[in-house]
Amino acid sequence: MRVDTALFAAAQAGDPVALERMLRELQPDIRRYARHQCHRTTAIEDVVQEALIVLYRRLGTVRDPLAIAGWIFRVVTRLCMLPVLALIRGAEELTERHEAEYFAQVPKDELRIDVVRALESLPDMYREVILLRDMEQLTIAEAADRLRITREACKSRIHRGRALLREYLQGDESRGGKE
């Protein structure tokens, strides 16, 4: 994929004719990338159109015309992944519904005891962040400040802590809610 630097500069400057010409010239390359990356042939045209829209909207952020090929390739790759991500999210939603149905049937007192036990089973660093975020309703930034850790570390601990809680509670579910 080669982009004429003068055409690129004119398109970035807001020349509508140059922008339209550049998009038209790049479309076959984008389509070829989409054919190579997308597993569903029905998604190719949608991916091409979305990639052109992204290019149109973000052209002003591209500094080097030589970088367009790599940038567009990444955009197309991400767009091709969207149907797969939707499937994964759908499976996660089904799992969450199943868990919600199970926990809705458990008497509240038993559920409270299970949650307390699950929280007690957590290592201190995960328990602290879960209590701050989920019980005290602090934001990520507030919890991170209180614990004197970075936001990224806070997010990581929340994610890991919730996963450990889920594992504990699902283990309890598989035992029929009784120990």
N, C-alpha and C. Protein backbone atom coordinates (compact mmCIF):
# COMPACT_ATOMS: atom_id res chain seq x y z
N MET A 1 0.86 -1.17 0.00
CA MET A 1 0.00 0.00 0.00
C MET A 1 0.90 1.23 0.00
N ARG A 2 0.75 2.01 -1.02
CA ARG A 2 1.52 3.26 -1.11
C ARG A 2 0.56 4.42 -1.14
N VAL A 3 0.91 5.45 -0.40
CA VAL A 3 0.09 6.64 -0.36
C VAL A 3 0.93 7.79 -0.89
N ASP A 4 0.38 8.49 -1.85
CA ASP A 4 1.04 9.67 -2.41
C ASP A 4 1.12 10.73 -1.30
N THR A 5 2.32 11.19 -1.00
CA THR A 5 2.52 12.12 0.12
C THR A 5 1.80 13.45 -0.11
N ALA A 6 1.77 13.91 -1.36
CA ALA A 6 1.08 15.18 -1.64
C ALA A 6 -0.44 15.00 -1.45
N LEU A 7 -0.96 13.87 -1.91
CA LEU A 7 -2.39 13.57 -1.75
C LEU A 7 -2.72 13.45 -0.25
N PHE A 8 -1.84 12.77 0.48
CA PHE A 8 -2.01 12.60 1.92
C PHE A 8 -2.05 13.96 2.62
N ALA A 9 -1.11 14.82 2.30
CA ALA A 9 -1.04 16.15 2.92
C ALA A 9 -2.29 16.97 2.61
N ALA A 10 -2.74 16.90 1.37
CA ALA A 10 -3.94 17.65 0.98
C ALA A 10 -5.17 17.11 1.71
N ALA A 11 -5.27 15.78 1.82
CA ALA A 11 -6.41 15.17 2.52
C ALA A 11 -6.39 15.55 3.99
N GLN A 12 -5.21 15.54 4.60
CA GLN A 12 -5.09 15.93 6.01
C GLN A 12 -5.43 17.40 6.21
N ALA A 13 -5.14 18.21 5.22
CA ALA A 13 -5.43 19.64 5.31
C ALA A 13 -6.92 19.94 5.14
N GLY A 14 -7.70 18.91 4.78
CA GLY A 14 -9.15 19.11 4.67
C GLY A 14 -9.68 19.22 3.26
N ASP A 15 -8.85 18.94 2.25
CA ASP A 15 -9.31 18.99 0.86
C ASP A 15 -10.23 17.80 0.61
N PRO A 16 -11.54 18.05 0.40
CA PRO A 16 -12.48 16.94 0.25
C PRO A 16 -12.22 16.08 -1.00
N VAL A 17 -11.76 16.70 -2.08
CA VAL A 17 -11.47 15.95 -3.30
C VAL A 17 -10.28 15.01 -3.06
N ALA A 18 -9.24 15.51 -2.41
CA ALA A 18 -8.06 14.69 -2.12
C ALA A 18 -8.42 13.55 -1.17
N LEU A 19 -9.24 13.84 -0.18
CA LEU A 19 -9.66 12.82 0.77
C LEU A 19 -10.45 11.72 0.07
N GLU A 20 -11.39 12.10 -0.75
CA GLU A 20 -12.19 11.11 -1.47
C GLU A 20 -11.31 10.26 -2.39
N ARG A 21 -10.39 10.89 -3.08
CA ARG A 21 -9.49 10.16 -3.98
C ARG A 21 -8.60 9.18 -3.19
N MET A 22 -8.07 9.65 -2.06
CA MET A 22 -7.22 8.79 -1.26
C MET A 22 -8.00 7.59 -0.73
N LEU A 23 -9.21 7.81 -0.24
CA LEU A 23 -10.04 6.71 0.26
C LEU A 23 -10.35 5.71 -0.86
N ARG A 24 -10.66 6.24 -2.05
CA ARG A 24 -10.95 5.37 -3.20
C ARG A 24 -9.73 4.54 -3.57
N GLU A 25 -8.54 5.16 -3.53
CA GLU A 25 -7.32 4.44 -3.89
C GLU A 25 -6.94 3.38 -2.84
N LEU A 26 -7.25 3.64 -1.60
CA LEU A 26 -6.91 2.70 -0.53
C LEU A 26 -7.91 1.56 -0.39
N GLN A 27 -9.10 1.75 -0.92
CA GLN A 27 -10.16 0.75 -0.74
C GLN A 27 -9.77 -0.66 -1.22
N PRO A 28 -9.13 -0.84 -2.39
CA PRO A 28 -8.75 -2.22 -2.79
C PRO A 28 -7.76 -2.87 -1.83
N ASP A 29 -6.83 -2.10 -1.31
CA ASP A 29 -5.88 -2.65 -0.34
C ASP A 29 -6.58 -3.03 0.96
N ILE A 30 -7.48 -2.18 1.39
CA ILE A 30 -8.24 -2.48 2.61
C ILE A 30 -9.07 -3.74 2.41
N ARG A 31 -9.69 -3.88 1.25
CA ARG A 31 -10.48 -5.08 0.95
C ARG A 31 -9.59 -6.32 0.96
N ARG A 32 -8.40 -6.21 0.39
CA ARG A 32 -7.47 -7.35 0.38
C ARG A 32 -7.08 -7.73 1.81
N TYR A 33 -6.78 -6.73 2.64
CA TYR A 33 -6.47 -7.00 4.05
C TYR A 33 -7.65 -7.70 4.72
N ALA A 34 -8.86 -7.19 4.47
CA ALA A 34 -10.05 -7.77 5.09
C ALA A 34 -10.26 -9.22 4.65
N ARG A 35 -10.05 -9.51 3.37
CA ARG A 35 -10.19 -10.90 2.90
C ARG A 35 -9.20 -11.82 3.60
N HIS A 36 -8.01 -11.29 3.84
CA HIS A 36 -6.96 -12.08 4.49
C HIS A 36 -7.25 -12.28 5.99
N GLN A 37 -7.80 -11.26 6.65
CA GLN A 37 -7.97 -11.30 8.11
C GLN A 37 -9.31 -11.85 8.59
N CYS A 38 -10.38 -11.58 7.85
CA CYS A 38 -11.71 -11.98 8.31
C CYS A 38 -12.01 -13.42 7.90
N HIS A 39 -12.53 -14.16 8.85
CA HIS A 39 -12.87 -15.55 8.56
C HIS A 39 -14.26 -15.68 7.96
N ARG A 40 -15.11 -14.71 8.24
CA ARG A 40 -16.46 -14.72 7.67
C ARG A 40 -16.47 -13.84 6.42
N THR A 41 -16.76 -14.41 5.29
CA THR A 41 -16.77 -13.62 4.05
C THR A 41 -17.89 -12.60 4.05
N THR A 42 -18.94 -12.84 4.83
CA THR A 42 -20.05 -11.88 4.87
C THR A 42 -19.65 -10.59 5.58
N ALA A 43 -18.59 -10.63 6.38
CA ALA A 43 -18.18 -9.45 7.14
C ALA A 43 -17.23 -8.55 6.37
N ILE A 44 -16.69 -9.02 5.26
CA ILE A 44 -15.64 -8.28 4.55
C ILE A 44 -16.09 -6.88 4.15
N GLU A 45 -17.22 -6.77 3.49
CA GLU A 45 -17.67 -5.45 3.03
C GLU A 45 -17.95 -4.50 4.20
N ASP A 46 -18.50 -5.05 5.29
CA ASP A 46 -18.74 -4.22 6.47
C ASP A 46 -17.42 -3.72 7.05
N VAL A 47 -16.43 -4.61 7.10
CA VAL A 47 -15.12 -4.24 7.63
C VAL A 47 -14.48 -3.17 6.75
N VAL A 48 -14.58 -3.31 5.43
CA VAL A 48 -14.02 -2.32 4.51
C VAL A 48 -14.66 -0.96 4.77
N GLN A 49 -15.99 -0.93 4.88
CA GLN A 49 -16.68 0.34 5.10
C GLN A 49 -16.30 0.95 6.44
N GLU A 50 -16.24 0.13 7.50
CA GLU A 50 -15.87 0.64 8.82
C GLU A 50 -14.43 1.16 8.82
N ALA A 51 -13.53 0.44 8.14
CA ALA A 51 -12.12 0.87 8.07
C ALA A 51 -12.00 2.21 7.35
N LEU A 52 -12.77 2.38 6.29
CA LEU A 52 -12.76 3.66 5.57
C LEU A 52 -13.29 4.79 6.46
N ILE A 53 -14.31 4.49 7.25
CA ILE A 53 -14.86 5.50 8.16
C ILE A 53 -13.82 5.87 9.22
N VAL A 54 -13.14 4.86 9.78
CA VAL A 54 -12.10 5.12 10.78
C VAL A 54 -10.99 5.96 10.15
N LEU A 55 -10.57 5.60 8.94
CA LEU A 55 -9.53 6.35 8.25
C LEU A 55 -9.97 7.80 8.02
N TYR A 56 -11.20 7.98 7.58
CA TYR A 56 -11.75 9.31 7.35
C TYR A 56 -11.73 10.15 8.63
N ARG A 57 -12.17 9.55 9.73
CA ARG A 57 -12.27 10.28 11.00
C ARG A 57 -10.92 10.55 11.65
N ARG A 58 -9.98 9.63 11.49
CA ARG A 58 -8.72 9.72 12.22
C ARG A 58 -7.52 10.12 11.37
N LEU A 59 -7.75 10.47 10.12
CA LEU A 59 -6.64 10.81 9.23
C LEU A 59 -5.77 11.92 9.81
N GLY A 60 -6.39 12.85 10.51
CA GLY A 60 -5.63 13.97 11.09
C GLY A 60 -4.64 13.54 12.16
N THR A 61 -4.82 12.34 12.72
CA THR A 61 -3.91 11.88 13.78
C THR A 61 -2.71 11.12 13.23
N VAL A 62 -2.73 10.78 11.95
CA VAL A 62 -1.62 10.04 11.34
C VAL A 62 -0.54 11.04 10.96
N ARG A 63 0.67 10.80 11.48
CA ARG A 63 1.75 11.76 11.24
C ARG A 63 2.54 11.45 9.99
N ASP A 64 2.67 10.18 9.67
CA ASP A 64 3.54 9.79 8.57
C ASP A 64 2.75 8.97 7.56
N PRO A 65 2.71 9.37 6.30
CA PRO A 65 1.96 8.61 5.29
C PRO A 65 2.48 7.18 5.13
N LEU A 66 3.75 6.95 5.47
CA LEU A 66 4.31 5.60 5.38
C LEU A 66 3.74 4.68 6.46
N ALA A 67 3.19 5.25 7.52
CA ALA A 67 2.62 4.47 8.62
C ALA A 67 1.18 4.05 8.36
N ILE A 68 0.56 4.57 7.31
CA ILE A 68 -0.85 4.27 7.06
C ILE A 68 -1.08 2.78 6.82
N ALA A 69 -0.22 2.12 6.08
CA ALA A 69 -0.43 0.71 5.78
C ALA A 69 -0.51 -0.13 7.06
N GLY A 70 0.44 0.04 7.93
CA GLY A 70 0.43 -0.71 9.19
C GLY A 70 -0.76 -0.35 10.06
N TRP A 71 -1.09 0.92 10.10
CA TRP A 71 -2.20 1.38 10.90
C TRP A 71 -3.52 0.80 10.39
N ILE A 72 -3.73 0.86 9.09
CA ILE A 72 -4.97 0.32 8.50
C ILE A 72 -5.04 -1.19 8.71
N PHE A 73 -3.90 -1.87 8.58
CA PHE A 73 -3.88 -3.32 8.80
C PHE A 73 -4.34 -3.64 10.23
N ARG A 74 -3.88 -2.87 11.22
CA ARG A 74 -4.32 -3.09 12.61
C ARG A 74 -5.81 -2.79 12.78
N VAL A 75 -6.28 -1.72 12.13
CA VAL A 75 -7.70 -1.38 12.20
C VAL A 75 -8.54 -2.52 11.63
N VAL A 76 -8.15 -3.02 10.46
CA VAL A 76 -8.89 -4.11 9.82
C VAL A 76 -8.87 -5.37 10.69
N THR A 77 -7.71 -5.68 11.25
CA THR A 77 -7.60 -6.85 12.12
C THR A 77 -8.55 -6.73 13.31
N ARG A 78 -8.59 -5.57 13.93
CA ARG A 78 -9.50 -5.37 15.07
C ARG A 78 -10.95 -5.46 14.65
N LEU A 79 -11.28 -4.88 13.52
CA LEU A 79 -12.66 -4.93 13.04
C LEU A 79 -13.09 -6.36 12.72
N CYS A 80 -12.17 -7.16 12.21
CA CYS A 80 -12.49 -8.56 11.91
C CYS A 80 -12.71 -9.37 13.19
N MET A 81 -12.10 -8.92 14.28
CA MET A 81 -12.25 -9.63 15.55
C MET A 81 -13.57 -9.32 16.26
N LEU A 82 -14.26 -8.27 15.87
CA LEU A 82 -15.47 -7.87 16.58
C LEU A 82 -16.52 -8.98 16.66
N PRO A 83 -16.81 -9.72 15.57
CA PRO A 83 -17.78 -10.81 15.71
C PRO A 83 -17.34 -11.88 16.70
N VAL A 84 -16.06 -12.18 16.75
CA VAL A 84 -15.54 -13.17 17.70
C VAL A 84 -15.72 -12.65 19.12
N LEU A 85 -15.40 -11.38 19.34
CA LEU A 85 -15.56 -10.78 20.66
C LEU A 85 -17.03 -10.79 21.09
N ALA A 86 -17.93 -10.55 20.15
CA ALA A 86 -19.36 -10.59 20.47
C ALA A 86 -19.78 -11.99 20.92
N LEU A 87 -19.23 -13.01 20.27
CA LEU A 87 -19.53 -14.39 20.68
C LEU A 87 -19.02 -14.66 22.09
N ILE A 88 -17.81 -14.22 22.38
CA ILE A 88 -17.23 -14.43 23.70
C ILE A 88 -18.07 -13.72 24.75
N ARG A 89 -18.46 -12.48 24.46
CA ARG A 89 -19.29 -11.74 25.42
C ARG A 89 -20.64 -12.43 25.62
N GLY A 90 -21.20 -12.98 24.56
CA GLY A 90 -22.47 -13.71 24.67
C GLY A 90 -22.33 -14.92 25.58
N ALA A 91 -21.24 -15.64 25.46
CA ALA A 91 -21.00 -16.81 26.32
C ALA A 91 -20.83 -16.36 27.77
N GLU A 92 -20.12 -15.25 27.99
CA GLU A 92 -19.95 -14.73 29.35
C GLU A 92 -21.29 -14.32 29.95
N GLU A 93 -22.17 -13.71 29.14
CA GLU A 93 -23.48 -13.31 29.63
C GLU A 93 -24.32 -14.52 30.03
N LEU A 94 -24.22 -15.61 29.26
CA LEU A 94 -24.94 -16.83 29.61
C LEU A 94 -24.46 -17.38 30.95
N THR A 95 -23.15 -17.38 31.14
CA THR A 95 -22.58 -17.86 32.40
C THR A 95 -23.06 -16.99 33.56
N GLU A 96 -23.05 -15.67 33.35
CA GLU A 96 -23.50 -14.76 34.40
C GLU A 96 -24.96 -14.99 34.74
N ARG A 97 -25.80 -15.23 33.72
CA ARG A 97 -27.22 -15.51 33.97
C ARG A 97 -27.40 -16.78 34.78
N HIS A 98 -26.63 -17.81 34.42
CA HIS A 98 -26.70 -19.08 35.15
C HIS A 98 -26.33 -18.86 36.61
N GLU A 99 -25.23 -18.13 36.85
CA GLU A 99 -24.80 -17.84 38.22
C GLU A 99 -25.87 -17.04 38.96
N ALA A 100 -26.45 -16.04 38.29
CA ALA A 100 -27.47 -15.21 38.93
C ALA A 100 -28.69 -16.05 39.29
N GLU A 101 -29.10 -16.96 38.41
CA GLU A 101 -30.24 -17.84 38.71
C GLU A 101 -29.95 -18.72 39.92
N TYR A 102 -28.74 -19.25 39.98
CA TYR A 102 -28.37 -20.10 41.12
C TYR A 102 -28.41 -19.30 42.42
N PHE A 103 -27.75 -18.12 42.43
CA PHE A 103 -27.66 -17.34 43.65
C PHE A 103 -29.01 -16.76 44.05
N ALA A 104 -29.93 -16.59 43.10
CA ALA A 104 -31.27 -16.10 43.43
C ALA A 104 -32.04 -17.15 44.22
N GLN A 105 -31.69 -18.43 44.06
CA GLN A 105 -32.38 -19.51 44.75
C GLN A 105 -31.82 -19.77 46.15
N VAL A 106 -30.61 -19.30 46.42
CA VAL A 106 -29.97 -19.54 47.71
C VAL A 106 -30.58 -18.58 48.74
N PRO A 107 -30.97 -19.10 49.92
CA PRO A 107 -31.50 -18.20 50.96
C PRO A 107 -30.48 -17.10 51.28
N LYS A 108 -30.98 -15.90 51.54
CA LYS A 108 -30.11 -14.73 51.75
C LYS A 108 -29.12 -14.93 52.90
N ASP A 109 -29.55 -15.54 53.98
CA ASP A 109 -28.63 -15.75 55.11
C ASP A 109 -27.48 -16.65 54.70
N GLU A 110 -27.78 -17.72 53.96
CA GLU A 110 -26.72 -18.62 53.49
C GLU A 110 -25.78 -17.89 52.54
N LEU A 111 -26.37 -17.09 51.68
CA LEU A 111 -25.57 -16.34 50.71
C LEU A 111 -24.63 -15.36 51.43
N ARG A 112 -25.13 -14.67 52.45
CA ARG A 112 -24.29 -13.75 53.21
C ARG A 112 -23.11 -14.49 53.85
N ILE A 113 -23.41 -15.64 54.43
CA ILE A 113 -22.35 -16.43 55.06
C ILE A 113 -21.33 -16.87 54.02
N ASP A 114 -21.81 -17.30 52.85
CA ASP A 114 -20.90 -17.72 51.78
C ASP A 114 -20.02 -16.57 51.31
N VAL A 115 -20.61 -15.38 51.17
CA VAL A 115 -19.84 -14.21 50.72
C VAL A 115 -18.79 -13.83 51.76
N VAL A 116 -19.17 -13.85 53.03
CA VAL A 116 -18.21 -13.53 54.09
C VAL A 116 -17.06 -14.54 54.07
N ARG A 117 -17.39 -15.82 53.95
CA ARG A 117 -16.34 -16.85 53.89
C ARG A 117 -15.45 -16.66 52.67
N ALA A 118 -16.08 -16.32 51.55
CA ALA A 118 -15.29 -16.10 50.32
C ALA A 118 -14.34 -14.92 50.51
N LEU A 119 -14.84 -13.83 51.10
CA LEU A 119 -13.98 -12.68 51.35
C LEU A 119 -12.85 -13.02 52.32
N GLU A 120 -13.17 -13.79 53.35
CA GLU A 120 -12.14 -14.19 54.32
C GLU A 120 -11.09 -15.08 53.69
N SER A 121 -11.46 -15.81 52.63
CA SER A 121 -10.51 -16.71 51.97
C SER A 121 -9.49 -15.96 51.11
N LEU A 122 -9.79 -14.69 50.80
CA LEU A 122 -8.90 -13.92 49.93
C LEU A 122 -7.63 -13.49 50.66
N PRO A 123 -6.51 -13.46 49.94
CA PRO A 123 -5.31 -12.82 50.52
C PRO A 123 -5.63 -11.34 50.80
N ASP A 124 -4.96 -10.77 51.80
CA ASP A 124 -5.24 -9.40 52.24
C ASP A 124 -5.25 -8.39 51.10
N MET A 125 -4.28 -8.47 50.17
CA MET A 125 -4.18 -7.45 49.12
C MET A 125 -5.41 -7.46 48.21
N TYR A 126 -6.04 -8.61 48.02
CA TYR A 126 -7.25 -8.68 47.19
C TYR A 126 -8.49 -8.31 48.01
N ARG A 127 -8.53 -8.75 49.26
CA ARG A 127 -9.67 -8.45 50.12
C ARG A 127 -9.81 -6.94 50.30
N GLU A 128 -8.69 -6.24 50.56
CA GLU A 128 -8.73 -4.79 50.77
C GLU A 128 -9.32 -4.07 49.57
N VAL A 129 -8.84 -4.41 48.39
CA VAL A 129 -9.29 -3.69 47.20
C VAL A 129 -10.75 -4.01 46.88
N ILE A 130 -11.18 -5.25 47.10
CA ILE A 130 -12.58 -5.62 46.86
C ILE A 130 -13.49 -4.87 47.83
N LEU A 131 -13.10 -4.82 49.10
CA LEU A 131 -13.92 -4.11 50.08
C LEU A 131 -14.01 -2.62 49.75
N LEU A 132 -12.91 -2.01 49.35
CA LEU A 132 -12.92 -0.59 49.01
C LEU A 132 -13.78 -0.32 47.78
N ARG A 133 -13.61 -1.13 46.77
CA ARG A 133 -14.30 -0.89 45.50
C ARG A 133 -15.77 -1.32 45.55
N ASP A 134 -16.01 -2.55 46.00
CA ASP A 134 -17.36 -3.09 45.90
C ASP A 134 -18.24 -2.82 47.13
N MET A 135 -17.63 -2.70 48.29
CA MET A 135 -18.44 -2.46 49.49
C MET A 135 -18.54 -0.97 49.81
N GLU A 136 -17.40 -0.27 49.75
CA GLU A 136 -17.40 1.16 50.05
C GLU A 136 -17.70 2.02 48.81
N GLN A 137 -17.76 1.38 47.66
CA GLN A 137 -18.11 2.05 46.40
C GLN A 137 -17.13 3.15 46.01
N LEU A 138 -15.84 2.98 46.34
CA LEU A 138 -14.83 3.95 45.91
C LEU A 138 -14.54 3.75 44.43
N THR A 139 -14.10 4.82 43.78
CA THR A 139 -13.67 4.70 42.39
C THR A 139 -12.32 4.00 42.36
N ILE A 140 -11.90 3.61 41.17
CA ILE A 140 -10.58 2.98 41.01
C ILE A 140 -9.49 3.92 41.54
N ALA A 141 -9.58 5.19 41.16
CA ALA A 141 -8.57 6.17 41.57
C ALA A 141 -8.56 6.33 43.10
N GLU A 142 -9.74 6.40 43.71
CA GLU A 142 -9.82 6.56 45.16
C GLU A 142 -9.25 5.34 45.88
N ALA A 143 -9.60 4.15 45.40
CA ALA A 143 -9.09 2.92 46.03
C ALA A 143 -7.57 2.84 45.87
N ALA A 144 -7.08 3.18 44.68
CA ALA A 144 -5.64 3.15 44.43
C ALA A 144 -4.92 4.13 45.36
N ASP A 145 -5.47 5.34 45.50
CA ASP A 145 -4.87 6.33 46.41
C ASP A 145 -4.86 5.83 47.84
N ARG A 146 -5.97 5.26 48.27
CA ARG A 146 -6.06 4.78 49.65
C ARG A 146 -5.04 3.67 49.91
N LEU A 147 -4.82 2.79 48.90
CA LEU A 147 -3.89 1.68 49.06
C LEU A 147 -2.45 2.06 48.69
N ARG A 148 -2.31 3.26 48.14
CA ARG A 148 -0.98 3.75 47.70
C ARG A 148 -0.36 2.84 46.64
N ILE A 149 -1.22 2.52 45.64
CA ILE A 149 -0.77 1.72 44.50
C ILE A 149 -1.23 2.44 43.23
N THR A 150 -0.74 1.99 42.08
CA THR A 150 -1.16 2.60 40.82
C THR A 150 -2.57 2.17 40.47
N ARG A 151 -3.20 2.91 39.58
CA ARG A 151 -4.54 2.55 39.10
C ARG A 151 -4.51 1.18 38.43
N GLU A 152 -3.44 0.93 37.66
CA GLU A 152 -3.32 -0.34 36.96
C GLU A 152 -3.22 -1.50 37.94
N ALA A 153 -2.43 -1.32 39.00
CA ALA A 153 -2.30 -2.37 40.02
C ALA A 153 -3.65 -2.58 40.71
N CYS A 154 -4.36 -1.50 40.95
CA CYS A 154 -5.68 -1.58 41.58
C CYS A 154 -6.64 -2.38 40.69
N LYS A 155 -6.67 -2.06 39.42
CA LYS A 155 -7.55 -2.79 38.48
C LYS A 155 -7.18 -4.26 38.43
N SER A 156 -5.90 -4.54 38.40
CA SER A 156 -5.42 -5.91 38.36
C SER A 156 -5.86 -6.68 39.61
N ARG A 157 -5.71 -6.06 40.76
CA ARG A 157 -6.10 -6.72 42.01
C ARG A 157 -7.61 -6.94 42.08
N ILE A 158 -8.38 -5.96 41.60
CA ILE A 158 -9.84 -6.13 41.58
C ILE A 158 -10.21 -7.31 40.69
N HIS A 159 -9.62 -7.35 39.51
CA HIS A 159 -9.92 -8.43 38.57
C HIS A 159 -9.57 -9.79 39.18
N ARG A 160 -8.37 -9.90 39.74
CA ARG A 160 -7.92 -11.17 40.33
C ARG A 160 -8.75 -11.52 41.57
N GLY A 161 -9.03 -10.53 42.40
CA GLY A 161 -9.83 -10.78 43.59
C GLY A 161 -11.23 -11.26 43.26
N ARG A 162 -11.86 -10.64 42.28
CA ARG A 162 -13.20 -11.07 41.87
C ARG A 162 -13.17 -12.48 41.28
N ALA A 163 -12.11 -12.78 40.53
CA ALA A 163 -11.98 -14.12 39.97
C ALA A 163 -11.85 -15.16 41.09
N LEU A 164 -11.06 -14.84 42.12
CA LEU A 164 -10.92 -15.76 43.25
C LEU A 164 -12.24 -15.92 44.00
N LEU A 165 -12.98 -14.83 44.18
CA LEU A 165 -14.30 -14.92 44.81
C LEU A 165 -15.23 -15.82 44.00
N ARG A 166 -15.22 -15.61 42.70
CA ARG A 166 -16.08 -16.40 41.82
C ARG A 166 -15.73 -17.88 41.92
N GLU A 167 -14.43 -18.18 41.90
CA GLU A 167 -13.99 -19.58 42.02
C GLU A 167 -14.46 -20.17 43.35
N TYR A 168 -14.32 -19.43 44.43
CA TYR A 168 -14.73 -19.90 45.74
C TYR A 168 -16.23 -20.18 45.76
N LEU A 169 -17.01 -19.21 45.27
CA LEU A 169 -18.46 -19.35 45.30
C LEU A 169 -18.95 -20.43 44.33
N GLN A 170 -18.31 -20.58 43.19
CA GLN A 170 -18.69 -21.64 42.27
C GLN A 170 -18.33 -23.00 42.84
N GLY A 171 -17.23 -23.07 43.56
CA GLY A 171 -16.88 -24.32 44.22
C GLY A 171 -17.95 -24.68 45.23
N ASP A 172 -18.48 -23.68 45.92
CA ASP A 172 -19.55 -23.89 46.88
C ASP A 172 -20.83 -24.33 46.15
N GLU A 173 -21.07 -23.74 44.98
CA GLU A 173 -22.25 -24.09 44.18
C GLU A 173 -22.19 -25.55 43.75
N SER A 174 -20.99 -26.01 43.35
CA SER A 174 -20.86 -27.39 42.88
C SER A 174 -21.04 -28.39 44.02
N ARG A 175 -20.86 -27.91 45.28
CA ARG A 175 -21.08 -28.79 46.43
C ARG A 175 -22.52 -28.70 46.91
N GLY A 176 -23.34 -27.99 46.16
CA GLY A 176 -24.74 -27.89 46.54
C GLY A 176 -24.99 -26.83 47.60
N GLY A 177 -24.03 -25.90 47.77
CA GLY A 177 -24.21 -24.80 48.70
C GLY A 177 -23.88 -25.17 50.12
N LYS A 178 -23.54 -26.41 50.39
CA LYS A 178 -23.22 -26.87 51.75
C LYS A 178 -21.79 -27.39 51.77
N GLU A 179 -21.17 -27.27 52.92
CA GLU A 179 -19.83 -27.80 53.07
C GLU A 179 -19.86 -29.12 53.78
